[in-house]
């Protein structure tokens, strides 16, 4: 267990530092480069570190379930987690960006191209030149296969046009 302890605690500290700093940057919209990717993927290292740390310190961990103050804090955390899954009102607080992206996904490609001021024909040719086999009447969602990352790439190609 001593060798595991030498590994688990530093992993937990290092991963917490990454997750904490990148999370604060994201909260204040100051994240750049790979901050979001690091936060999402390296949080798995935090979970692994905590799991190993818990395994090493399990006897001490169990004692927290016998302390009323500790149980109140753990219970409050569980309630906050449960509350985070509740919907916020009637959708009035939903992100307008998400609504726009969903609308773009349901729209025929030529209508989205028209938003740029470009003709449907030239927009379709540019999409095809970029390796996106698009035809009139296809929706952006159909072109992307429902993949939001692919949808963003398609929209990037469409809106990168300089019709002037």
N, C-alpha and C. Protein backbone atom coordinates (compact mmCIF):
# COMPACT_ATOMS: atom_id res chain seq x y z
N UNK A 1 0.81 -1.20 0.00
CA UNK A 1 0.00 0.00 0.00
C UNK A 1 0.86 1.26 0.00
N UNK A 2 2.05 1.17 0.57
CA UNK A 2 2.90 2.37 0.65
C UNK A 2 3.26 2.87 -0.74
N UNK A 3 3.55 1.95 -1.68
CA UNK A 3 3.90 2.39 -3.03
C UNK A 3 2.68 2.99 -3.74
N UNK A 4 1.50 2.44 -3.47
CA UNK A 4 0.28 3.00 -4.04
C UNK A 4 0.01 4.39 -3.47
N UNK A 5 0.25 4.57 -2.19
CA UNK A 5 0.08 5.88 -1.55
C UNK A 5 1.03 6.90 -2.19
N UNK A 6 2.25 6.48 -2.51
CA UNK A 6 3.22 7.39 -3.13
C UNK A 6 2.78 7.82 -4.53
N UNK A 7 1.92 7.06 -5.15
CA UNK A 7 1.43 7.35 -6.50
C UNK A 7 0.07 8.06 -6.46
N UNK A 8 -0.84 7.60 -5.59
CA UNK A 8 -2.22 8.09 -5.57
C UNK A 8 -2.32 9.55 -5.16
N UNK A 9 -1.64 9.94 -4.11
CA UNK A 9 -1.76 11.32 -3.63
C UNK A 9 -1.17 12.33 -4.62
N UNK A 10 0.04 12.11 -5.16
CA UNK A 10 0.53 13.07 -6.16
C UNK A 10 -0.35 13.14 -7.41
N UNK A 11 -0.90 11.99 -7.85
CA UNK A 11 -1.81 11.99 -9.00
C UNK A 11 -3.05 12.82 -8.70
N UNK A 12 -3.61 12.65 -7.51
CA UNK A 12 -4.78 13.42 -7.11
C UNK A 12 -4.47 14.91 -7.07
N UNK A 13 -3.35 15.28 -6.49
CA UNK A 13 -2.97 16.69 -6.39
C UNK A 13 -2.74 17.30 -7.77
N UNK A 14 -1.98 16.60 -8.61
CA UNK A 14 -1.70 17.12 -9.95
C UNK A 14 -2.95 17.25 -10.80
N UNK A 15 -3.79 16.22 -10.78
CA UNK A 15 -5.01 16.24 -11.58
C UNK A 15 -5.99 17.28 -11.04
N UNK A 16 -6.06 17.45 -9.72
CA UNK A 16 -6.93 18.48 -9.14
C UNK A 16 -6.47 19.87 -9.57
N UNK A 17 -5.16 20.07 -9.60
CA UNK A 17 -4.62 21.37 -10.02
C UNK A 17 -5.06 21.68 -11.45
N UNK A 18 -4.90 20.71 -12.33
CA UNK A 18 -5.30 20.91 -13.74
C UNK A 18 -6.80 21.17 -13.83
N UNK A 19 -7.60 20.33 -13.19
CA UNK A 19 -9.06 20.45 -13.26
C UNK A 19 -9.53 21.76 -12.63
N UNK A 20 -8.95 22.11 -11.50
CA UNK A 20 -9.35 23.34 -10.81
C UNK A 20 -9.02 24.59 -11.60
N UNK A 21 -7.79 24.68 -12.10
CA UNK A 21 -7.37 25.87 -12.84
C UNK A 21 -8.15 26.00 -14.15
N UNK A 22 -8.25 24.90 -14.91
CA UNK A 22 -8.97 24.98 -16.18
C UNK A 22 -10.46 25.24 -15.95
N UNK A 23 -11.01 24.69 -14.88
CA UNK A 23 -12.43 24.95 -14.56
C UNK A 23 -12.68 26.42 -14.24
N UNK A 24 -11.80 27.03 -13.47
CA UNK A 24 -11.94 28.46 -13.15
C UNK A 24 -11.79 29.29 -14.42
N UNK A 25 -10.83 28.95 -15.26
CA UNK A 25 -10.66 29.68 -16.53
C UNK A 25 -11.91 29.57 -17.39
N UNK A 26 -12.49 28.37 -17.46
CA UNK A 26 -13.70 28.19 -18.26
C UNK A 26 -14.86 28.97 -17.65
N UNK A 27 -14.96 28.99 -16.33
CA UNK A 27 -16.06 29.71 -15.67
C UNK A 27 -16.03 31.19 -16.04
N UNK A 28 -14.84 31.77 -16.08
CA UNK A 28 -14.70 33.19 -16.41
C UNK A 28 -14.48 33.43 -17.90
N UNK A 29 -14.67 32.40 -18.72
CA UNK A 29 -14.52 32.49 -20.18
C UNK A 29 -13.13 33.02 -20.56
N UNK A 30 -12.12 32.57 -19.84
CA UNK A 30 -10.74 32.94 -20.12
C UNK A 30 -9.93 31.77 -20.65
N UNK A 31 -10.61 30.65 -20.94
CA UNK A 31 -9.90 29.46 -21.42
C UNK A 31 -9.44 29.67 -22.86
N UNK A 32 -8.26 29.17 -23.12
CA UNK A 32 -7.68 29.27 -24.46
C UNK A 32 -7.03 27.94 -24.80
N UNK A 33 -6.66 27.80 -26.04
CA UNK A 33 -5.93 26.60 -26.46
C UNK A 33 -6.64 25.32 -26.08
N UNK A 34 -5.94 24.49 -25.37
CA UNK A 34 -6.45 23.17 -25.01
C UNK A 34 -7.06 23.12 -23.61
N UNK A 35 -7.36 24.28 -23.01
CA UNK A 35 -7.90 24.28 -21.65
C UNK A 35 -9.15 23.41 -21.50
N UNK A 36 -10.12 23.57 -22.39
CA UNK A 36 -11.37 22.82 -22.27
C UNK A 36 -11.13 21.33 -22.47
N UNK A 37 -10.32 20.99 -23.46
CA UNK A 37 -10.01 19.58 -23.72
C UNK A 37 -9.27 18.98 -22.52
N UNK A 38 -8.30 19.72 -21.99
CA UNK A 38 -7.55 19.24 -20.82
C UNK A 38 -8.50 19.05 -19.63
N UNK A 39 -9.41 20.00 -19.44
CA UNK A 39 -10.34 19.91 -18.32
C UNK A 39 -11.22 18.66 -18.45
N UNK A 40 -11.75 18.44 -19.64
CA UNK A 40 -12.65 17.31 -19.84
C UNK A 40 -11.94 15.97 -19.74
N UNK A 41 -10.81 15.84 -20.42
CA UNK A 41 -10.14 14.54 -20.49
C UNK A 41 -9.26 14.24 -19.28
N UNK A 42 -8.59 15.25 -18.76
CA UNK A 42 -7.71 14.98 -17.62
C UNK A 42 -8.47 14.89 -16.31
N UNK A 43 -9.76 15.21 -16.34
CA UNK A 43 -10.59 14.97 -15.16
C UNK A 43 -10.69 13.48 -14.87
N UNK A 44 -10.50 12.66 -15.91
CA UNK A 44 -10.46 11.21 -15.68
C UNK A 44 -9.27 10.84 -14.81
N UNK A 45 -8.17 11.56 -14.95
CA UNK A 45 -7.00 11.32 -14.09
C UNK A 45 -7.34 11.68 -12.65
N UNK A 46 -8.13 12.74 -12.47
CA UNK A 46 -8.57 13.13 -11.12
C UNK A 46 -9.42 12.02 -10.52
N UNK A 47 -10.34 11.47 -11.30
CA UNK A 47 -11.17 10.38 -10.78
C UNK A 47 -10.33 9.16 -10.43
N UNK A 48 -9.35 8.85 -11.26
CA UNK A 48 -8.46 7.71 -10.97
C UNK A 48 -7.67 7.97 -9.69
N UNK A 49 -7.12 9.18 -9.58
CA UNK A 49 -6.35 9.52 -8.38
C UNK A 49 -7.19 9.46 -7.12
N UNK A 50 -8.41 9.98 -7.19
CA UNK A 50 -9.30 9.95 -6.02
C UNK A 50 -9.65 8.50 -5.69
N UNK A 51 -9.92 7.69 -6.73
CA UNK A 51 -10.23 6.28 -6.48
C UNK A 51 -9.09 5.56 -5.79
N UNK A 52 -7.86 5.79 -6.27
CA UNK A 52 -6.69 5.17 -5.63
C UNK A 52 -6.47 5.70 -4.22
N UNK A 53 -6.65 7.01 -4.06
CA UNK A 53 -6.49 7.64 -2.75
C UNK A 53 -7.53 7.08 -1.77
N UNK A 54 -8.75 6.88 -2.26
CA UNK A 54 -9.81 6.29 -1.44
C UNK A 54 -9.46 4.85 -1.05
N UNK A 55 -8.91 4.09 -1.99
CA UNK A 55 -8.54 2.71 -1.70
C UNK A 55 -7.47 2.64 -0.62
N UNK A 56 -6.50 3.55 -0.70
CA UNK A 56 -5.41 3.57 0.28
C UNK A 56 -5.91 4.00 1.66
N UNK A 57 -6.87 4.90 1.68
CA UNK A 57 -7.34 5.49 2.94
C UNK A 57 -8.76 5.07 3.29
N UNK A 58 -9.18 3.89 2.87
CA UNK A 58 -10.57 3.48 3.02
C UNK A 58 -11.00 3.40 4.48
N UNK A 59 -10.14 2.89 5.36
CA UNK A 59 -10.51 2.77 6.77
C UNK A 59 -10.83 4.14 7.35
N UNK A 60 -9.99 5.13 7.07
CA UNK A 60 -10.25 6.48 7.55
C UNK A 60 -11.48 7.08 6.89
N UNK A 61 -11.69 6.77 5.61
CA UNK A 61 -12.84 7.29 4.88
C UNK A 61 -14.16 6.84 5.52
N UNK A 62 -14.21 5.56 5.94
CA UNK A 62 -15.44 5.03 6.53
C UNK A 62 -15.85 5.78 7.79
N UNK A 63 -14.90 6.34 8.50
CA UNK A 63 -15.23 7.04 9.74
C UNK A 63 -16.06 8.30 9.50
N UNK A 64 -15.98 8.88 8.30
CA UNK A 64 -16.76 10.08 8.00
C UNK A 64 -18.26 9.79 8.03
N UNK A 65 -18.66 8.55 7.78
CA UNK A 65 -20.06 8.20 7.79
C UNK A 65 -20.61 8.03 9.19
N UNK A 66 -19.77 8.23 10.19
CA UNK A 66 -20.19 8.16 11.60
C UNK A 66 -20.23 9.54 12.22
N UNK A 67 -19.87 10.56 11.48
CA UNK A 67 -19.81 11.93 12.00
C UNK A 67 -20.97 12.75 11.41
N UNK A 68 -21.81 13.32 12.27
CA UNK A 68 -22.98 14.07 11.78
C UNK A 68 -22.62 15.25 10.86
N UNK A 69 -21.60 16.02 11.21
CA UNK A 69 -21.23 17.16 10.36
C UNK A 69 -20.73 16.69 8.99
N UNK A 70 -19.93 15.64 8.99
CA UNK A 70 -19.43 15.10 7.73
C UNK A 70 -20.58 14.58 6.89
N UNK A 71 -21.53 13.89 7.52
CA UNK A 71 -22.68 13.37 6.79
C UNK A 71 -23.54 14.50 6.23
N UNK A 72 -23.65 15.62 6.96
CA UNK A 72 -24.42 16.76 6.47
C UNK A 72 -23.76 17.34 5.21
N UNK A 73 -22.44 17.44 5.22
CA UNK A 73 -21.72 17.97 4.06
C UNK A 73 -21.84 17.01 2.87
N UNK A 74 -21.65 15.72 3.13
CA UNK A 74 -21.78 14.72 2.07
C UNK A 74 -23.21 14.72 1.53
N UNK A 75 -24.20 14.80 2.40
CA UNK A 75 -25.61 14.85 1.98
C UNK A 75 -25.91 16.09 1.16
N UNK A 76 -25.37 17.24 1.56
CA UNK A 76 -25.57 18.48 0.80
C UNK A 76 -24.97 18.35 -0.59
N UNK A 77 -23.80 17.73 -0.67
CA UNK A 77 -23.19 17.50 -1.98
C UNK A 77 -24.04 16.61 -2.85
N UNK A 78 -24.61 15.55 -2.27
CA UNK A 78 -25.48 14.64 -3.02
C UNK A 78 -26.74 15.36 -3.49
N UNK A 79 -27.31 16.22 -2.63
CA UNK A 79 -28.51 16.98 -3.03
C UNK A 79 -28.20 17.96 -4.16
N UNK A 80 -27.05 18.64 -4.07
CA UNK A 80 -26.68 19.56 -5.13
C UNK A 80 -26.46 18.83 -6.45
N UNK A 81 -25.85 17.67 -6.39
CA UNK A 81 -25.67 16.86 -7.60
C UNK A 81 -27.03 16.49 -8.18
N UNK A 82 -27.95 16.02 -7.36
CA UNK A 82 -29.28 15.66 -7.83
C UNK A 82 -29.99 16.88 -8.43
N UNK A 83 -29.88 18.03 -7.79
CA UNK A 83 -30.52 19.25 -8.28
C UNK A 83 -29.94 19.70 -9.62
N UNK A 84 -28.68 19.36 -9.89
CA UNK A 84 -28.06 19.79 -11.14
C UNK A 84 -28.68 19.11 -12.36
N UNK A 85 -29.45 18.05 -12.13
CA UNK A 85 -30.11 17.35 -13.24
C UNK A 85 -31.52 17.89 -13.52
N UNK A 86 -32.01 18.77 -12.66
CA UNK A 86 -33.36 19.31 -12.85
C UNK A 86 -33.36 20.34 -13.97
N UNK A 87 -34.43 20.38 -14.78
CA UNK A 87 -34.50 21.38 -15.84
C UNK A 87 -34.72 22.77 -15.24
N UNK A 88 -34.21 23.78 -15.92
CA UNK A 88 -34.37 25.15 -15.46
C UNK A 88 -35.57 25.79 -16.15
N UNK A 89 -36.71 25.77 -15.52
CA UNK A 89 -37.89 26.45 -16.04
C UNK A 89 -38.39 25.88 -17.34
N UNK A 90 -39.11 26.73 -18.09
CA UNK A 90 -39.74 26.32 -19.33
C UNK A 90 -38.85 26.48 -20.53
N UNK A 91 -37.57 26.48 -20.37
CA UNK A 91 -36.66 26.60 -21.50
C UNK A 91 -36.28 28.04 -21.78
N UNK A 92 -36.81 28.99 -20.99
CA UNK A 92 -36.48 30.39 -21.19
C UNK A 92 -35.02 30.70 -20.93
N UNK A 93 -34.36 29.85 -20.15
CA UNK A 93 -32.95 30.07 -19.83
C UNK A 93 -32.03 29.27 -20.74
N UNK A 94 -32.59 28.63 -21.75
CA UNK A 94 -31.77 27.81 -22.64
C UNK A 94 -30.84 28.70 -23.45
N UNK A 95 -29.72 28.14 -23.82
CA UNK A 95 -28.73 28.89 -24.58
C UNK A 95 -29.25 29.20 -25.98
N UNK A 96 -29.21 30.46 -26.40
CA UNK A 96 -29.64 30.77 -27.76
C UNK A 96 -28.71 30.14 -28.79
N UNK A 97 -27.45 29.94 -28.44
CA UNK A 97 -26.51 29.31 -29.36
C UNK A 97 -26.95 27.87 -29.64
N UNK A 98 -27.36 27.17 -28.59
CA UNK A 98 -27.81 25.79 -28.78
C UNK A 98 -29.05 25.76 -29.67
N UNK A 99 -29.97 26.70 -29.48
CA UNK A 99 -31.18 26.75 -30.29
C UNK A 99 -30.83 27.03 -31.76
N UNK A 100 -29.88 27.94 -32.00
CA UNK A 100 -29.45 28.25 -33.37
C UNK A 100 -28.82 27.03 -34.01
N UNK A 101 -27.94 26.34 -33.27
CA UNK A 101 -27.29 25.15 -33.82
C UNK A 101 -28.30 24.05 -34.14
N UNK A 102 -29.31 23.88 -33.29
CA UNK A 102 -30.34 22.88 -33.57
C UNK A 102 -31.13 23.27 -34.81
N UNK A 103 -31.46 24.56 -34.93
CA UNK A 103 -32.18 25.04 -36.10
C UNK A 103 -31.37 24.85 -37.37
N UNK A 104 -30.07 25.14 -37.31
CA UNK A 104 -29.19 24.94 -38.46
C UNK A 104 -29.15 23.47 -38.85
N UNK A 105 -29.14 22.59 -37.86
CA UNK A 105 -29.10 21.16 -38.14
C UNK A 105 -30.33 20.66 -38.87
N UNK A 106 -31.48 21.30 -38.62
CA UNK A 106 -32.73 20.88 -39.27
C UNK A 106 -32.95 21.56 -40.61
N UNK A 107 -32.13 22.57 -40.93
CA UNK A 107 -32.34 23.36 -42.14
C UNK A 107 -31.68 22.72 -43.36
N UNK A 108 -32.33 22.86 -44.52
CA UNK A 108 -31.69 22.40 -45.76
C UNK A 108 -30.41 23.20 -46.02
N UNK A 109 -29.41 22.55 -46.54
CA UNK A 109 -28.10 23.16 -46.73
C UNK A 109 -28.17 24.43 -47.56
N UNK A 110 -29.03 24.46 -48.58
CA UNK A 110 -29.08 25.64 -49.44
C UNK A 110 -29.65 26.86 -48.69
N UNK A 111 -30.51 26.64 -47.70
CA UNK A 111 -31.03 27.76 -46.91
C UNK A 111 -29.95 28.32 -46.00
N UNK A 112 -29.12 27.44 -45.46
CA UNK A 112 -28.02 27.90 -44.61
C UNK A 112 -27.00 28.66 -45.47
N UNK A 113 -26.71 28.15 -46.65
CA UNK A 113 -25.78 28.84 -47.57
C UNK A 113 -26.33 30.22 -47.91
N UNK A 114 -27.66 30.33 -48.09
CA UNK A 114 -28.27 31.62 -48.44
C UNK A 114 -28.01 32.68 -47.36
N UNK A 115 -27.81 32.28 -46.11
CA UNK A 115 -27.53 33.23 -45.04
C UNK A 115 -26.21 33.96 -45.25
N UNK A 116 -25.33 33.39 -46.05
CA UNK A 116 -24.03 34.01 -46.31
C UNK A 116 -24.09 34.99 -47.47
N UNK A 117 -25.20 34.97 -48.24
CA UNK A 117 -25.30 35.80 -49.43
C UNK A 117 -24.73 35.13 -50.66
N UNK A 118 -24.27 33.92 -50.51
CA UNK A 118 -23.70 33.14 -51.61
C UNK A 118 -24.81 32.36 -52.29
N UNK A 119 -24.62 32.02 -53.55
CA UNK A 119 -25.61 31.19 -54.24
C UNK A 119 -25.49 29.76 -53.75
N UNK A 120 -26.62 29.05 -53.82
CA UNK A 120 -26.63 27.65 -53.39
C UNK A 120 -25.64 26.83 -54.21
N UNK A 121 -25.57 27.10 -55.51
CA UNK A 121 -24.68 26.33 -56.37
C UNK A 121 -23.22 26.48 -55.97
N UNK A 122 -22.78 27.72 -55.76
CA UNK A 122 -21.36 27.92 -55.41
C UNK A 122 -21.07 27.39 -54.01
N UNK A 123 -22.03 27.52 -53.09
CA UNK A 123 -21.84 26.97 -51.74
C UNK A 123 -21.73 25.46 -51.75
N UNK A 124 -22.58 24.82 -52.54
CA UNK A 124 -22.53 23.35 -52.66
C UNK A 124 -21.22 22.90 -53.30
N UNK A 125 -20.75 23.66 -54.29
CA UNK A 125 -19.47 23.31 -54.93
C UNK A 125 -18.33 23.42 -53.91
N UNK A 126 -18.37 24.47 -53.09
CA UNK A 126 -17.31 24.65 -52.10
C UNK A 126 -17.35 23.54 -51.06
N UNK A 127 -18.56 23.14 -50.63
CA UNK A 127 -18.68 22.03 -49.68
C UNK A 127 -18.13 20.75 -50.29
N UNK A 128 -18.48 20.47 -51.54
CA UNK A 128 -17.99 19.28 -52.21
C UNK A 128 -16.48 19.32 -52.37
N UNK A 129 -15.93 20.50 -52.65
CA UNK A 129 -14.47 20.65 -52.77
C UNK A 129 -13.79 20.40 -51.43
N UNK A 130 -14.51 20.65 -50.34
CA UNK A 130 -13.96 20.42 -49.00
C UNK A 130 -14.16 18.98 -48.54
N UNK A 131 -14.70 18.15 -49.45
CA UNK A 131 -14.88 16.74 -49.12
C UNK A 131 -16.21 16.43 -48.46
N UNK A 132 -17.14 17.39 -48.47
CA UNK A 132 -18.46 17.19 -47.89
C UNK A 132 -19.44 17.05 -49.05
N UNK A 133 -19.89 15.83 -49.28
CA UNK A 133 -20.77 15.53 -50.41
C UNK A 133 -22.18 16.02 -50.09
N UNK A 134 -22.49 17.24 -50.53
CA UNK A 134 -23.76 17.87 -50.23
C UNK A 134 -24.61 18.00 -51.49
N UNK A 135 -25.91 17.83 -51.31
CA UNK A 135 -26.86 17.98 -52.42
C UNK A 135 -28.02 18.84 -51.94
N UNK A 136 -28.68 19.55 -52.85
CA UNK A 136 -29.83 20.35 -52.46
C UNK A 136 -30.87 19.51 -51.72
N UNK A 137 -31.47 20.09 -50.71
CA UNK A 137 -32.50 19.40 -49.94
C UNK A 137 -31.97 18.66 -48.73
N UNK A 138 -30.69 18.35 -48.70
CA UNK A 138 -30.13 17.67 -47.53
C UNK A 138 -30.04 18.65 -46.37
N UNK A 139 -30.33 18.18 -45.18
CA UNK A 139 -30.18 19.04 -44.01
C UNK A 139 -28.74 18.97 -43.52
N UNK A 140 -28.35 19.97 -42.77
CA UNK A 140 -27.01 19.98 -42.17
C UNK A 140 -26.87 18.77 -41.23
N UNK A 141 -27.96 18.45 -40.53
CA UNK A 141 -27.95 17.28 -39.63
C UNK A 141 -27.71 15.99 -40.38
N UNK A 142 -28.32 15.85 -41.56
CA UNK A 142 -28.12 14.65 -42.37
C UNK A 142 -26.70 14.59 -42.89
N UNK A 143 -26.16 15.73 -43.30
CA UNK A 143 -24.78 15.77 -43.79
C UNK A 143 -23.78 15.40 -42.70
N UNK A 144 -24.09 15.79 -41.46
CA UNK A 144 -23.16 15.54 -40.37
C UNK A 144 -23.39 14.19 -39.70
N UNK A 145 -24.46 13.52 -40.08
CA UNK A 145 -24.77 12.24 -39.44
C UNK A 145 -25.11 12.39 -37.97
N UNK A 146 -25.55 13.60 -37.58
CA UNK A 146 -25.89 13.86 -36.18
C UNK A 146 -24.70 14.18 -35.31
N UNK A 147 -23.51 14.21 -35.88
CA UNK A 147 -22.28 14.51 -35.13
C UNK A 147 -22.13 16.03 -35.03
N UNK A 148 -22.19 16.55 -33.80
CA UNK A 148 -22.13 18.00 -33.61
C UNK A 148 -20.79 18.58 -34.04
N UNK A 149 -19.72 17.85 -33.86
CA UNK A 149 -18.41 18.31 -34.31
C UNK A 149 -18.36 18.44 -35.81
N UNK A 150 -18.91 17.44 -36.50
CA UNK A 150 -18.97 17.47 -37.98
C UNK A 150 -19.89 18.60 -38.44
N UNK A 151 -20.99 18.81 -37.71
CA UNK A 151 -21.90 19.91 -38.05
C UNK A 151 -21.16 21.25 -37.96
N UNK A 152 -20.36 21.41 -36.93
CA UNK A 152 -19.59 22.65 -36.78
C UNK A 152 -18.60 22.81 -37.93
N UNK A 153 -17.98 21.71 -38.38
CA UNK A 153 -17.06 21.78 -39.52
C UNK A 153 -17.78 22.20 -40.79
N UNK A 154 -18.97 21.65 -41.01
CA UNK A 154 -19.76 21.99 -42.19
C UNK A 154 -20.12 23.47 -42.16
N UNK A 155 -20.58 23.93 -41.01
CA UNK A 155 -20.95 25.35 -40.88
C UNK A 155 -19.73 26.25 -41.05
N UNK A 156 -18.58 25.79 -40.59
CA UNK A 156 -17.34 26.56 -40.77
C UNK A 156 -17.04 26.74 -42.25
N UNK A 157 -17.19 25.66 -43.02
CA UNK A 157 -16.96 25.74 -44.47
C UNK A 157 -17.96 26.70 -45.10
N UNK A 158 -19.21 26.59 -44.72
CA UNK A 158 -20.26 27.44 -45.30
C UNK A 158 -20.02 28.91 -44.97
N UNK A 159 -19.75 29.21 -43.71
CA UNK A 159 -19.64 30.61 -43.29
C UNK A 159 -18.25 31.20 -43.49
N UNK A 160 -17.31 30.40 -43.95
CA UNK A 160 -15.98 30.92 -44.26
C UNK A 160 -15.98 31.58 -45.63
N UNK A 161 -17.10 31.49 -46.33
CA UNK A 161 -17.20 32.04 -47.70
C UNK A 161 -17.06 33.56 -47.67
N UNK A 162 -16.49 34.06 -48.72
CA UNK A 162 -16.40 35.50 -48.91
C UNK A 162 -17.10 35.82 -50.22
N UNK A 163 -18.46 35.93 -50.18
CA UNK A 163 -19.21 36.07 -51.42
C UNK A 163 -18.97 37.41 -52.12
N UNK A 164 -18.36 38.37 -51.46
CA UNK A 164 -18.16 39.68 -52.08
C UNK A 164 -17.11 39.69 -53.09
